[in-house]
Amino acid sequence: QVQLVESGGGLVQPGGSLRLSCAASGSIFSIYSMAWFRQAPGSQRELVAVLTSDGSANYADSVKGRFTISRGNVKNSVYLQMNSLAPEDTAVYYCYVAVKVTTLRVDDYWGLGTQVTVSS
């Protein structure tokens, strides 16, 4: 079993910044990929940013140039640096980790989510 704990959400004004953190713990052989998703009220959950096993990062068009996903300093952790935040970024943000349980098996894990609210 793997548990994900997110932190860093909160209320910020438009144009402000937040950094979300996610730490994974449990039975982890290695991390295949890590990502951040978000879900706004009345909307489907969408991919915000993903860090793949080859080290490349991909972003939703809506956050390109503003958000940065990176590995955290703590082992099996990931950051999402969010700059130039706008009200449309308001959502619950979820950490996602694809964990290599064995060399052939990859399991998906989700955090419980952290609220980000952008409002003046």
PDB file of N, CA and C in Angstrom:
ATOM      1  N   GLN A   1       0.836  -1.194   0.000  1.00  0.00           N
ATOM      2  CA  GLN A   1       0.000   0.000   0.000  1.00  0.00           C
ATOM      3  C   GLN A   1       0.871   1.245   0.000  1.00  0.00           C
ATOM      4  N   VAL A   2       0.383   2.269  -0.690  1.00  0.00           N
ATOM      5  CA  VAL A   2       1.065   3.545  -0.776  1.00  0.00           C
ATOM      6  C   VAL A   2       0.091   4.640  -0.374  1.00  0.00           C
ATOM      7  N   GLN A   3       0.576   5.582   0.408  1.00  0.00           N
ATOM      8  CA  GLN A   3      -0.231   6.715   0.820  1.00  0.00           C
ATOM      9  C   GLN A   3       0.399   8.005   0.302  1.00  0.00           C
ATOM     10  N   LEU A   4      -0.448   8.916  -0.168  1.00  0.00           N
ATOM     11  CA  LEU A   4      -0.003  10.210  -0.647  1.00  0.00           C
ATOM     12  C   LEU A   4      -0.575  11.295   0.251  1.00  0.00           C
ATOM     13  N   VAL A   5       0.269  12.226   0.643  1.00  0.00           N
ATOM     14  CA  VAL A   5      -0.158  13.341   1.472  1.00  0.00           C
ATOM     15  C   VAL A   5       0.183  14.637   0.758  1.00  0.00           C
ATOM     16  N   GLU A   6      -0.843  15.434   0.463  1.00  0.00           N
ATOM     17  CA  GLU A   6      -0.663  16.715  -0.202  1.00  0.00           C
ATOM     18  C   GLU A   6      -0.692  17.850   0.813  1.00  0.00           C
ATOM     19  N   SER A   7      -0.018  18.932   0.476  1.00  0.00           N
ATOM     20  CA  SER A   7      -0.043  20.122   1.304  1.00  0.00           C
ATOM     21  C   SER A   7       0.255  21.336   0.438  1.00  0.00           C
ATOM     22  N   GLY A   8      -0.007  22.514   0.969  1.00  0.00           N
ATOM     23  CA  GLY A   8       0.334  23.751   0.292  1.00  0.00           C
ATOM     24  C   GLY A   8      -0.830  24.509  -0.294  1.00  0.00           C
ATOM     25  N   GLY A   9      -2.012  23.935  -0.272  1.00  0.00           N
ATOM     26  CA  GLY A   9      -3.170  24.635  -0.792  1.00  0.00           C
ATOM     27  C   GLY A   9      -3.583  25.770   0.123  1.00  0.00           C
ATOM     28  N   GLY A  10      -4.472  26.606  -0.389  1.00  0.00           N
ATOM     29  CA  GLY A  10      -4.947  27.724   0.396  1.00  0.00           C
ATOM     30  C   GLY A  10      -5.618  28.769  -0.456  1.00  0.00           C
ATOM     31  N   LEU A  11      -5.830  29.930   0.139  1.00  0.00           N
ATOM     32  CA  LEU A  11      -6.466  31.061  -0.523  1.00  0.00           C
ATOM     33  C   LEU A  11      -5.411  32.080  -0.912  1.00  0.00           C
ATOM     34  N   VAL A  12      -5.396  32.449  -2.188  1.00  0.00           N
ATOM     35  CA  VAL A  12      -4.462  33.454  -2.681  1.00  0.00           C
ATOM     36  C   VAL A  12      -5.189  34.431  -3.585  1.00  0.00           C
ATOM     37  N   GLN A  13      -4.623  35.624  -3.723  1.00  0.00           N
ATOM     38  CA  GLN A  13      -5.178  36.623  -4.620  1.00  0.00           C
ATOM     39  C   GLN A  13      -4.741  36.362  -6.054  1.00  0.00           C
ATOM     40  N   PRO A  14      -5.511  36.816  -7.032  1.00  0.00           N
ATOM     41  CA  PRO A  14      -5.075  36.695  -8.421  1.00  0.00           C
ATOM     42  C   PRO A  14      -3.684  37.277  -8.615  1.00  0.00           C
ATOM     43  N   GLY A  15      -2.871  36.551  -9.381  1.00  0.00           N
ATOM     44  CA  GLY A  15      -1.493  36.946  -9.588  1.00  0.00           C
ATOM     45  C   GLY A  15      -0.528  36.383  -8.572  1.00  0.00           C
ATOM     46  N   GLY A  16      -1.043  35.782  -7.537  1.00  0.00           N
ATOM     47  CA  GLY A  16      -0.213  35.215  -6.501  1.00  0.00           C
ATOM     48  C   GLY A  16       0.331  33.850  -6.860  1.00  0.00           C
ATOM     49  N   SER A  17       1.065  33.274  -5.913  1.00  0.00           N
ATOM     50  CA  SER A  17       1.723  31.988  -6.132  1.00  0.00           C
ATOM     51  C   SER A  17       1.472  31.047  -4.966  1.00  0.00           C
ATOM     52  N   LEU A  18       1.503  29.771  -5.269  1.00  0.00           N
ATOM     53  CA  LEU A  18       1.447  28.714  -4.277  1.00  0.00           C
ATOM     54  C   LEU A  18       2.342  27.579  -4.734  1.00  0.00           C
ATOM     55  N   ARG A  19       2.863  26.832  -3.785  1.00  0.00           N
ATOM     56  CA  ARG A  19       3.592  25.623  -4.101  1.00  0.00           C
ATOM     57  C   ARG A  19       2.939  24.451  -3.391  1.00  0.00           C
ATOM     58  N   LEU A  20       2.461  23.511  -4.176  1.00  0.00           N
ATOM     59  CA  LEU A  20       1.877  22.300  -3.639  1.00  0.00           C
ATOM     60  C   LEU A  20       2.951  21.234  -3.493  1.00  0.00           C
ATOM     61  N   SER A  21       2.844  20.460  -2.436  1.00  0.00           N
ATOM     62  CA  SER A  21       3.780  19.375  -2.188  1.00  0.00           C
ATOM     63  C   SER A  21       3.012  18.078  -2.010  1.00  0.00           C
ATOM     64  N   CYS A  22       3.630  17.001  -2.419  1.00  0.00           N
ATOM     65  CA  CYS A  22       3.047  15.684  -2.258  1.00  0.00           C
ATOM     66  C   CYS A  22       4.150  14.715  -1.878  1.00  0.00           C
ATOM     67  N   ALA A  23       3.928  13.966  -0.832  1.00  0.00           N
ATOM     68  CA  ALA A  23       4.887  12.970  -0.382  1.00  0.00           C
ATOM     69  C   ALA A  23       4.237  11.598  -0.380  1.00  0.00           C
ATOM     70  N   ALA A  24       4.901  10.651  -0.994  1.00  0.00           N
ATOM     71  CA  ALA A  24       4.418   9.282  -1.048  1.00  0.00           C
ATOM     72  C   ALA A  24       5.189   8.425  -0.058  1.00  0.00           C
ATOM     73  N   SER A  25       4.487   7.539   0.585  1.00  0.00           N
ATOM     74  CA  SER A  25       5.119   6.626   1.520  1.00  0.00           C
ATOM     75  C   SER A  25       4.467   5.257   1.407  1.00  0.00           C
ATOM     76  N   GLY A  26       5.172   4.251   1.866  1.00  0.00           N
ATOM     77  CA  GLY A  26       4.661   2.899   1.818  1.00  0.00           C
ATOM     78  C   GLY A  26       5.573   1.977   1.038  1.00  0.00           C
ATOM     79  N   SER A  27       4.972   0.968   0.449  1.00  0.00           N
ATOM     80  CA  SER A  27       5.725  -0.050  -0.276  1.00  0.00           C
ATOM     81  C   SER A  27       6.000   0.420  -1.697  1.00  0.00           C
ATOM     82  N   ILE A  28       7.102   1.123  -1.862  1.00  0.00           N
ATOM     83  CA  ILE A  28       7.477   1.694  -3.152  1.00  0.00           C
ATOM     84  C   ILE A  28       8.798   1.097  -3.604  1.00  0.00           C
ATOM     85  N   PHE A  29       8.752   0.416  -4.727  1.00  0.00           N
ATOM     86  CA  PHE A  29       9.981  -0.074  -5.329  1.00  0.00           C
ATOM     87  C   PHE A  29      10.671   1.069  -6.075  1.00  0.00           C
ATOM     88  N   SER A  30       9.910   1.758  -6.887  1.00  0.00           N
ATOM     89  CA  SER A  30      10.383   2.949  -7.566  1.00  0.00           C
ATOM     90  C   SER A  30       9.171   3.700  -8.108  1.00  0.00           C
ATOM     91  N   ILE A  31       9.386   4.954  -8.457  1.00  0.00           N
ATOM     92  CA  ILE A  31       8.332   5.788  -9.004  1.00  0.00           C
ATOM     93  C   ILE A  31       8.414   5.791 -10.519  1.00  0.00           C
ATOM     94  N   TYR A  32       7.301   5.458 -11.177  1.00  0.00           N
ATOM     95  CA  TYR A  32       7.263   5.478 -12.627  1.00  0.00           C
ATOM     96  C   TYR A  32       6.951   6.879 -13.137  1.00  0.00           C
ATOM     97  N   SER A  33       5.955   7.509 -12.537  1.00  0.00           N
ATOM     98  CA  SER A  33       5.616   8.870 -12.911  1.00  0.00           C
ATOM     99  C   SER A  33       4.851   9.530 -11.771  1.00  0.00           C
ATOM    100  N   MET A  34       4.841  10.857 -11.790  1.00  0.00           N
ATOM    101  CA  MET A  34       4.102  11.626 -10.804  1.00  0.00           C
ATOM    102  C   MET A  34       3.366  12.739 -11.529  1.00  0.00           C
ATOM    103  N   ALA A  35       2.210  13.104 -11.020  1.00  0.00           N
ATOM    104  CA  ALA A  35       1.402  14.092 -11.710  1.00  0.00           C
ATOM    105  C   ALA A  35       0.507  14.835 -10.735  1.00  0.00           C
ATOM    106  N   TRP A  36      -0.002  15.948 -11.217  1.00  0.00           N
ATOM    107  CA  TRP A  36      -1.023  16.704 -10.510  1.00  0.00           C
ATOM    108  C   TRP A  36      -2.254  16.821 -11.387  1.00  0.00           C
ATOM    109  N   PHE A  37      -3.397  16.541 -10.814  1.00  0.00           N
ATOM    110  CA  PHE A  37      -4.689  16.739 -11.438  1.00  0.00           C
ATOM    111  C   PHE A  37      -5.458  17.779 -10.638  1.00  0.00           C
ATOM    112  N   ARG A  38      -6.511  18.300 -11.231  1.00  0.00           N
ATOM    113  CA  ARG A  38      -7.379  19.203 -10.498  1.00  0.00           C
ATOM    114  C   ARG A  38      -8.820  19.017 -10.942  1.00  0.00           C
ATOM    115  N   GLN A  39      -9.727  19.371 -10.061  1.00  0.00           N
ATOM    116  CA  GLN A  39     -11.138  19.275 -10.353  1.00  0.00           C
ATOM    117  C   GLN A  39     -11.851  20.492  -9.782  1.00  0.00           C
ATOM    118  N   ALA A  40     -12.404  21.293 -10.680  1.00  0.00           N
ATOM    119  CA  ALA A  40     -13.176  22.456 -10.287  1.00  0.00           C
ATOM    120  C   ALA A  40     -14.631  22.049 -10.086  1.00  0.00           C
ATOM    121  N   PRO A  41     -15.393  22.823  -9.329  1.00  0.00           N
ATOM    122  CA  PRO A  41     -16.806  22.499  -9.132  1.00  0.00           C
ATOM    123  C   PRO A  41     -17.547  22.362 -10.458  1.00  0.00           C
ATOM    124  N   GLY A  42     -18.277  21.274 -10.612  1.00  0.00           N
ATOM    125  CA  GLY A  42     -19.040  21.043 -11.821  1.00  0.00           C
ATOM    126  C   GLY A  42     -18.237  20.598 -13.020  1.00  0.00           C
ATOM    127  N   SER A  43     -16.954  20.318 -12.832  1.00  0.00           N
ATOM    128  CA  SER A  43     -16.085  19.936 -13.934  1.00  0.00           C
ATOM    129  C   SER A  43     -15.484  18.555 -13.710  1.00  0.00           C
ATOM    130  N   GLN A  44     -15.003  17.973 -14.797  1.00  0.00           N
ATOM    131  CA  GLN A  44     -14.293  16.711 -14.720  1.00  0.00           C
ATOM    132  C   GLN A  44     -12.884  16.933 -14.175  1.00  0.00           C
ATOM    133  N   ARG A  45     -12.343  15.905 -13.571  1.00  0.00           N
ATOM    134  CA  ARG A  45     -10.964  15.971 -13.142  1.00  0.00           C
ATOM    135  C   ARG A  45     -10.066  16.020 -14.378  1.00  0.00           C
ATOM    136  N   GLU A  46      -9.099  16.927 -14.376  1.00  0.00           N
ATOM    137  CA  GLU A  46      -8.231  17.101 -15.524  1.00  0.00           C
ATOM    138  C   GLU A  46      -6.769  17.049 -15.120  1.00  0.00           C
ATOM    139  N   LEU A  47      -5.958  16.615 -16.051  1.00  0.00           N
ATOM    140  CA  LEU A  47      -4.521  16.580 -15.832  1.00  0.00           C
ATOM    141  C   LEU A  47      -3.960  17.993 -15.903  1.00  0.00           C
ATOM    142  N   VAL A  48      -3.175  18.351 -14.910  1.00  0.00           N
ATOM    143  CA  VAL A  48      -2.524  19.656 -14.870  1.00  0.00           C
ATOM    144  C   VAL A  48      -1.082  19.552 -15.348  1.00  0.00           C
ATOM    145  N   ALA A  49      -0.345  18.619 -14.779  1.00  0.00           N
ATOM    146  CA  ALA A  49       1.062  18.445 -15.115  1.00  0.00           C
ATOM    147  C   ALA A  49       1.482  17.030 -14.781  1.00  0.00           C
ATOM    148  N   VAL A  50       2.385  16.489 -15.572  1.00  0.00           N
ATOM    149  CA  VAL A  50       2.880  15.143 -15.334  1.00  0.00           C
ATOM    150  C   VAL A  50       4.391  15.107 -15.533  1.00  0.00           C
ATOM    151  N   LEU A  51       5.057  14.391 -14.655  1.00  0.00           N
ATOM    152  CA  LEU A  51       6.485  14.155 -14.738  1.00  0.00           C
ATOM    153  C   LEU A  51       6.659  12.670 -15.014  1.00  0.00           C
ATOM    154  N   THR A  52       7.150  12.341 -16.197  1.00  0.00           N
ATOM    155  CA  THR A  52       7.221  10.951 -16.627  1.00  0.00           C
ATOM    156  C   THR A  52       8.533  10.303 -16.223  1.00  0.00           C
ATOM    157  N   SER A  53       8.621   9.005 -16.482  1.00  0.00           N
ATOM    158  CA  SER A  53       9.782   8.238 -16.051  1.00  0.00           C
ATOM    159  C   SER A  53      11.074   8.669 -16.735  1.00  0.00           C
ATOM    160  N   ASP A  54      10.968   9.266 -17.915  1.00  0.00           N
ATOM    161  CA  ASP A  54      12.164   9.732 -18.608  1.00  0.00           C
ATOM    162  C   ASP A  54      12.575  11.134 -18.171  1.00  0.00           C
ATOM    163  N   GLY A  55      11.853  11.703 -17.212  1.00  0.00           N
ATOM    164  CA  GLY A  55      12.188  13.009 -16.689  1.00  0.00           C
ATOM    165  C   GLY A  55      11.535  14.181 -17.386  1.00  0.00           C
ATOM    166  N   SER A  56      10.776  13.924 -18.421  1.00  0.00           N
ATOM    167  CA  SER A  56      10.126  15.005 -19.139  1.00  0.00           C
ATOM    168  C   SER A  56       8.857  15.431 -18.427  1.00  0.00           C
ATOM    169  N   ALA A  57       8.498  16.682 -18.596  1.00  0.00           N
ATOM    170  CA  ALA A  57       7.302  17.242 -17.992  1.00  0.00           C
ATOM    171  C   ALA A  57       6.342  17.713 -19.068  1.00  0.00           C
ATOM    172  N   ASN A  58       5.071  17.468 -18.862  1.00  0.00           N
ATOM    173  CA  ASN A  58       4.039  17.921 -19.774  1.00  0.00           C
ATOM    174  C   ASN A  58       2.965  18.644 -18.983  1.00  0.00           C
ATOM    175  N   TYR A  59       2.361  19.648 -19.612  1.00  0.00           N
ATOM    176  CA  TYR A  59       1.407  20.500 -18.934  1.00  0.00           C
ATOM    177  C   TYR A  59       0.150  20.687 -19.759  1.00  0.00           C
ATOM    178  N   ALA A  60      -0.943  20.912 -19.052  1.00  0.00           N
ATOM    179  CA  ALA A  60      -2.150  21.345 -19.726  1.00  0.00           C
ATOM    180  C   ALA A  60      -1.913  22.717 -20.336  1.00  0.00           C
ATOM    181  N   ASP A  61      -2.540  22.975 -21.477  1.00  0.00           N
ATOM    182  CA  ASP A  61      -2.350  24.257 -22.145  1.00  0.00           C
ATOM    183  C   ASP A  61      -2.703  25.435 -21.242  1.00  0.00           C
ATOM    184  N   SER A  62      -3.668  25.245 -20.379  1.00  0.00           N
ATOM    185  CA  SER A  62      -4.137  26.326 -19.534  1.00  0.00           C
ATOM    186  C   SER A  62      -3.124  26.766 -18.482  1.00  0.00           C
ATOM    187  N   VAL A  63      -2.116  25.937 -18.208  1.00  0.00           N
ATOM    188  CA  VAL A  63      -1.152  26.272 -17.161  1.00  0.00           C
ATOM    189  C   VAL A  63       0.270  26.414 -17.682  1.00  0.00           C
ATOM    190  N   LYS A  64       0.487  26.175 -18.958  1.00  0.00           N
ATOM    191  CA  LYS A  64       1.828  26.286 -19.521  1.00  0.00           C
ATOM    192  C   LYS A  64       2.393  27.683 -19.311  1.00  0.00           C
ATOM    193  N   GLY A  65       3.633  27.728 -18.875  1.00  0.00           N
ATOM    194  CA  GLY A  65       4.286  28.991 -18.610  1.00  0.00           C
ATOM    195  C   GLY A  65       4.032  29.543 -17.228  1.00  0.00           C
ATOM    196  N   ARG A  66       3.083  28.962 -16.512  1.00  0.00           N
ATOM    197  CA  ARG A  66       2.752  29.436 -15.168  1.00  0.00           C
ATOM    198  C   ARG A  66       3.051  28.407 -14.084  1.00  0.00           C
ATOM    199  N   PHE A  67       2.856  27.138 -14.403  1.00  0.00           N
ATOM    200  CA  PHE A  67       3.045  26.063 -13.432  1.00  0.00           C
ATOM    201  C   PHE A  67       4.294  25.260 -13.774  1.00  0.00           C
ATOM    202  N   THR A  68       4.941  24.734 -12.748  1.00  0.00           N
ATOM    203  CA  THR A  68       6.107  23.883 -12.928  1.00  0.00           C
ATOM    204  C   THR A  68       6.012  22.683 -11.998  1.00  0.00           C
ATOM    205  N   ILE A  69       6.137  21.493 -12.567  1.00  0.00           N
ATOM    206  CA  ILE A  69       6.161  20.284 -11.766  1.00  0.00           C
ATOM    207  C   ILE A  69       7.608  19.825 -11.622  1.00  0.00           C
ATOM    208  N   SER A  70       7.969  19.357 -10.451  1.00  0.00           N
ATOM    209  CA  SER A  70       9.335  18.925 -10.213  1.00  0.00           C
ATOM    210  C   SER A  70       9.373  17.912  -9.084  1.00  0.00           C
ATOM    211  N   ARG A  71      10.429  17.121  -9.081  1.00  0.00           N
ATOM    212  CA  ARG A  71      10.644  16.196  -7.974  1.00  0.00           C
ATOM    213  C   ARG A  71      11.018  16.984  -6.728  1.00  0.00           C
ATOM    214  N   GLY A  72      10.517  16.533  -5.599  1.00  0.00           N
ATOM    215  CA  GLY A  72      10.819  17.188  -4.346  1.00  0.00           C
ATOM    216  C   GLY A  72      12.160  16.760  -3.792  1.00  0.00           C
ATOM    217  N   ASN A  73      12.624  17.517  -2.800  1.00  0.00           N
ATOM    218  CA  ASN A  73      13.890  17.184  -2.154  1.00  0.00           C
ATOM    219  C   ASN A  73      13.790  15.897  -1.340  1.00  0.00           C
ATOM    220  N   VAL A  74      12.630  15.660  -0.775  1.00  0.00           N
ATOM    221  CA  VAL A  74      12.385  14.428  -0.036  1.00  0.00           C
ATOM    222  C   VAL A  74      12.124  13.303  -1.036  1.00  0.00           C
ATOM    223  N   LYS A  75      12.656  12.141  -0.767  1.00  0.00           N
ATOM    224  CA  LYS A  75      12.470  10.993  -1.648  1.00  0.00           C
ATOM    225  C   LYS A  75      10.987  10.704  -1.844  1.00  0.00           C
ATOM    226  N   ASN A  76      10.623  10.409  -3.081  1.00  0.00           N
ATOM    227  CA  ASN A  76       9.249  10.077  -3.454  1.00  0.00           C
ATOM    228  C   ASN A  76       8.281  11.219  -3.171  1.00  0.00           C
ATOM    229  N   SER A  77       8.707  12.419  -3.488  1.00  0.00           N
ATOM    230  CA  SER A  77       7.854  13.582  -3.350  1.00  0.00           C
ATOM    231  C   SER A  77       7.861  14.379  -4.644  1.00  0.00           C
ATOM    232  N   VAL A  78       6.865  15.236  -4.789  1.00  0.00           N
ATOM    233  CA  VAL A  78       6.737  16.044  -5.990  1.00  0.00           C
ATOM    234  C   VAL A  78       6.159  17.404  -5.614  1.00  0.00           C
ATOM    235  N   TYR A  79       6.581  18.433  -6.339  1.00  0.00           N
ATOM    236  CA  TYR A  79       6.076  19.780  -6.150  1.00  0.00           C
ATOM    237  C   TYR A  79       5.269  20.216  -7.358  1.00  0.00           C
ATOM    238  N   LEU A  80       4.382  21.137  -7.134  1.00  0.00           N
ATOM    239  CA  LEU A  80       3.761  21.890  -8.208  1.00  0.00           C
ATOM    240  C   LEU A  80       3.853  23.362  -7.839  1.00  0.00           C
ATOM    241  N   GLN A  81       4.750  24.076  -8.509  1.00  0.00           N
ATOM    242  CA  GLN A  81       4.872  25.511  -8.311  1.00  0.00           C
ATOM    243  C   GLN A  81       3.882  26.211  -9.216  1.00  0.00           C
ATOM    244  N   MET A  82       3.008  27.008  -8.635  1.00  0.00           N
ATOM    245  CA  MET A  82       1.956  27.682  -9.371  1.00  0.00           C
ATOM    246  C   MET A  82       2.143  29.184  -9.243  1.00  0.00           C
ATOM    247  N   ASN A  83       2.375  29.834 -10.367  1.00  0.00           N
ATOM    248  CA  ASN A  83       2.560  31.280 -10.415  1.00  0.00           C
ATOM    249  C   ASN A  83       1.470  31.923 -11.251  1.00  0.00           C
ATOM    250  N   SER A  84       1.326  33.219 -11.093  1.00  0.00           N
ATOM    251  CA  SER A  84       0.337  33.992 -11.848  1.00  0.00           C
ATOM    252  C   SER A  84      -1.040  33.355 -11.778  1.00  0.00           C
ATOM    253  N   LEU A  85      -1.432  33.004 -10.585  1.00  0.00           N
ATOM    254  CA  LEU A  85      -2.698  32.303 -10.400  1.00  0.00           C
ATOM    255  C   LEU A  85      -3.885  33.192 -10.756  1.00  0.00           C
ATOM    256  N   ALA A  86      -4.889  32.567 -11.322  1.00  0.00           N
ATOM    257  CA  ALA A  86      -6.111  33.238 -11.738  1.00  0.00           C
ATOM    258  C   ALA A  86      -7.312  32.523 -11.132  1.00  0.00           C
ATOM    259  N   PRO A  87      -8.452  33.190 -11.057  1.00  0.00           N
ATOM    260  CA  PRO A  87      -9.639  32.549 -10.472  1.00  0.00           C
ATOM    261  C   PRO A  87      -9.995  31.217 -11.116  1.00  0.00           C
ATOM    262  N   GLU A  88      -9.741  31.069 -12.409  1.00  0.00           N
ATOM    263  CA  GLU A  88     -10.054  29.812 -13.079  1.00  0.00           C
ATOM    264  C   GLU A  88      -9.163  28.658 -12.639  1.00  0.00           C
ATOM    265  N   ASP A  89      -8.125  28.940 -11.871  1.00  0.00           N
ATOM    266  CA  ASP A  89      -7.286  27.891 -11.304  1.00  0.00           C
ATOM    267  C   ASP A  89      -7.879  27.312 -10.027  1.00  0.00           C
ATOM    268  N   THR A  90      -8.936  27.906  -9.542  1.00  0.00           N
ATOM    269  CA  THR A  90      -9.578  27.419  -8.327  1.00  0.00           C
ATOM    270  C   THR A  90     -10.095  25.999  -8.533  1.00  0.00           C
ATOM    271  N   ALA A  91      -9.660  25.095  -7.680  1.00  0.00           N
ATOM    272  CA  ALA A  91     -10.026  23.692  -7.804  1.00  0.00           C
ATOM    273  C   ALA A  91      -9.439  22.925  -6.636  1.00  0.00           C
ATOM    274  N   VAL A  92      -9.861  21.689  -6.511  1.00  0.00           N
ATOM    275  CA  VAL A  92      -9.177  20.758  -5.630  1.00  0.00           C
ATOM    276  C   VAL A  92      -8.077  20.096  -6.454  1.00  0.00           C
ATOM    277  N   TYR A  93      -6.869  20.155  -5.955  1.00  0.00           N
ATOM    278  CA  TYR A  93      -5.723  19.595  -6.655  1.00  0.00           C
ATOM    279  C   TYR A  93      -5.351  18.256  -6.034  1.00  0.00           C
ATOM    280  N   TYR A  94      -5.151  17.265  -6.897  1.00  0.00           N
ATOM    281  CA  TYR A  94      -4.868  15.911  -6.461  1.00  0.00           C
ATOM    282  C   TYR A  94      -3.499  15.456  -6.943  1.00  0.00           C
ATOM    283  N   CYS A  95      -2.754  14.893  -6.047  1.00  0.00           N
ATOM    284  CA  CYS A  95      -1.480  14.286  -6.393  1.00  0.00           C
ATOM    285  C   CYS A  95      -1.721  12.867  -6.902  1.00  0.00           C
ATOM    286  N   TYR A  96      -0.988  12.489  -7.921  1.00  0.00           N
ATOM    287  CA  TYR A  96      -1.069  11.156  -8.504  1.00  0.00           C
ATOM    288  C   TYR A  96       0.337  10.587  -8.627  1.00  0.00           C
ATOM    289  N   VAL A  97       0.482   9.324  -8.271  1.00  0.00           N
ATOM    290  CA  VAL A  97       1.768   8.649  -8.403  1.00  0.00           C
ATOM    291  C   VAL A  97       1.554   7.272  -8.997  1.00  0.00           C
ATOM    292  N   ALA A  98       2.306   6.956 -10.027  1.00  0.00           N
ATOM    293  CA  ALA A  98       2.356   5.610 -10.577  1.00  0.00           C
ATOM    294  C   ALA A  98       3.586   4.936  -9.992  1.00  0.00           C
ATOM    295  N   VAL A  99       3.337   3.879  -9.238  1.00  0.00           N
ATOM    296  CA  VAL A  99       4.393   3.219  -8.476  1.00  0.00           C
ATOM    297  C   VAL A  99       4.738   1.874  -9.102  1.00  0.00           C
ATOM    298  N   LYS A 100       6.017   1.651  -9.318  1.00  0.00           N
ATOM    299  CA  LYS A 100       6.480   0.336  -9.744  1.00  0.00           C
ATOM    300  C   LYS A 100       6.547  -0.572  -8.528  1.00  0.00           C
ATOM    301  N   VAL A 101       5.633  -1.513  -8.475  1.00  0.00           N
ATOM    302  CA  VAL A 101       5.629  -2.484  -7.389  1.00  0.00           C
ATOM    303  C   VAL A 101       6.647  -3.580  -7.678  1.00  0.00           C
ATOM    304  N   THR A 102       6.693  -4.020  -8.920  1.00  0.00           N
ATOM    305  CA  THR A 102       7.719  -4.916  -9.419  1.00  0.00           C
ATOM    306  C   THR A 102       8.208  -4.344 -10.736  1.00  0.00           C
ATOM    307  N   THR A 103       9.129  -5.049 -11.386  1.00  0.00           N
ATOM    308  CA  THR A 103       9.620  -4.574 -12.666  1.00  0.00           C
ATOM    309  C   THR A 103       8.540  -4.599 -13.745  1.00  0.00           C
ATOM    310  N   LEU A 104       7.470  -5.347 -13.527  1.00  0.00           N
ATOM    311  CA  LEU A 104       6.405  -5.477 -14.511  1.00  0.00           C
ATOM    312  C   LEU A 104       5.079  -4.873 -14.065  1.00  0.00           C
ATOM    313  N   ARG A 105       4.915  -4.601 -12.800  1.00  0.00           N
ATOM    314  CA  ARG A 105       3.640  -4.137 -12.272  1.00  0.00           C
ATOM    315  C   ARG A 105       3.717  -2.684 -11.837  1.00  0.00           C
ATOM    316  N   VAL A 106       2.767  -1.880 -12.315  1.00  0.00           N
ATOM    317  CA  VAL A 106       2.662  -0.473 -11.955  1.00  0.00           C
ATOM    318  C   VAL A 106       1.282  -0.227 -11.360  1.00  0.00           C
ATOM    319  N   ASP A 107       1.242   0.342 -10.166  1.00  0.00           N
ATOM    320  CA  ASP A 107      -0.013   0.652  -9.496  1.00  0.00           C
ATOM    321  C   ASP A 107      -0.201   2.158  -9.402  1.00  0.00           C
ATOM    322  N   ASP A 108      -1.457   2.593  -9.469  1.00  0.00           N
ATOM    323  CA  ASP A 108      -1.806   4.006  -9.396  1.00  0.00           C
ATOM    324  C   ASP A 108      -2.294   4.368  -8.000  1.00  0.00           C
ATOM    325  N   TYR A 109      -1.873   5.535  -7.512  1.00  0.00           N
ATOM    326  CA  TYR A 109      -2.307   6.021  -6.209  1.00  0.00           C
ATOM    327  C   TYR A 109      -2.661   7.489  -6.301  1.00  0.00           C
ATOM    328  N   TRP A 110      -3.661   7.875  -5.520  1.00  0.00           N
ATOM    329  CA  TRP A 110      -4.162   9.239  -5.496  1.00  0.00           C
ATOM    330  C   TRP A 110      -4.143   9.799  -4.090  1.00  0.00           C
ATOM    331  N   GLY A 111      -3.821  11.077  -3.992  1.00  0.00           N
ATOM    332  CA  GLY A 111      -3.982  11.775  -2.738  1.00  0.00           C
ATOM    333  C   GLY A 111      -5.432  12.158  -2.528  1.00  0.00           C
ATOM    334  N   LEU A 112      -5.727  12.664  -1.347  1.00  0.00           N
ATOM    335  CA  LEU A 112      -7.097  13.057  -1.021  1.00  0.00           C
ATOM    336  C   LEU A 112      -7.469  14.436  -1.555  1.00  0.00           C
ATOM    337  N   GLY A 113      -6.491  15.203  -1.972  1.00  0.00           N
ATOM    338  CA  GLY A 113      -6.740  16.504  -2.560  1.00  0.00           C
ATOM    339  C   GLY A 113      -6.483  17.649  -1.602  1.00  0.00           C
ATOM    340  N   THR A 114      -6.096  18.780  -2.161  1.00  0.00           N
ATOM    341  CA  THR A 114      -5.905  19.998  -1.400  1.00  0.00           C
ATOM    342  C   THR A 114      -6.566  21.149  -2.153  1.00  0.00           C
ATOM    343  N   GLN A 115      -7.295  21.974  -1.435  1.00  0.00           N
ATOM    344  CA  GLN A 115      -8.066  23.050  -2.049  1.00  0.00           C
ATOM    345  C   GLN A 115      -7.179  24.242  -2.374  1.00  0.00           C
ATOM    346  N   VAL A 116      -7.300  24.725  -3.603  1.00  0.00           N
ATOM    347  CA  VAL A 116      -6.669  25.970  -4.024  1.00  0.00           C
ATOM    348  C   VAL A 116      -7.773  26.925  -4.446  1.00  0.00           C
ATOM    349  N   THR A 117      -7.825  28.076  -3.809  1.00  0.00           N
ATOM    350  CA  THR A 117      -8.824  29.081  -4.127  1.00  0.00           C
ATOM    351  C   THR A 117      -8.128  30.382  -4.483  1.00  0.00           C
ATOM    352  N   VAL A 118      -8.429  30.899  -5.659  1.00  0.00           N
ATOM    353  CA  VAL A 118      -7.845  32.151  -6.135  1.00  0.00           C
ATOM    354  C   VAL A 118      -8.962  33.181  -6.200  1.00  0.00           C
ATOM    355  N   SER A 119      -8.898  34.150  -5.325  1.00  0.00           N
ATOM    356  CA  SER A 119      -9.957  35.142  -5.233  1.00  0.00           C
ATOM    357  C   SER A 119      -9.430  36.398  -4.567  1.00  0.00           C
ATOM    358  N   SER A 120      -9.979  37.538  -4.970  1.00  0.00           N
ATOM    359  CA  SER A 120      -9.635  38.796  -4.344  1.00  0.00           C
ATOM    360  C   SER A 120     -10.611  39.156  -3.236  1.00  0.00           C
TER     361      SER A 120
END
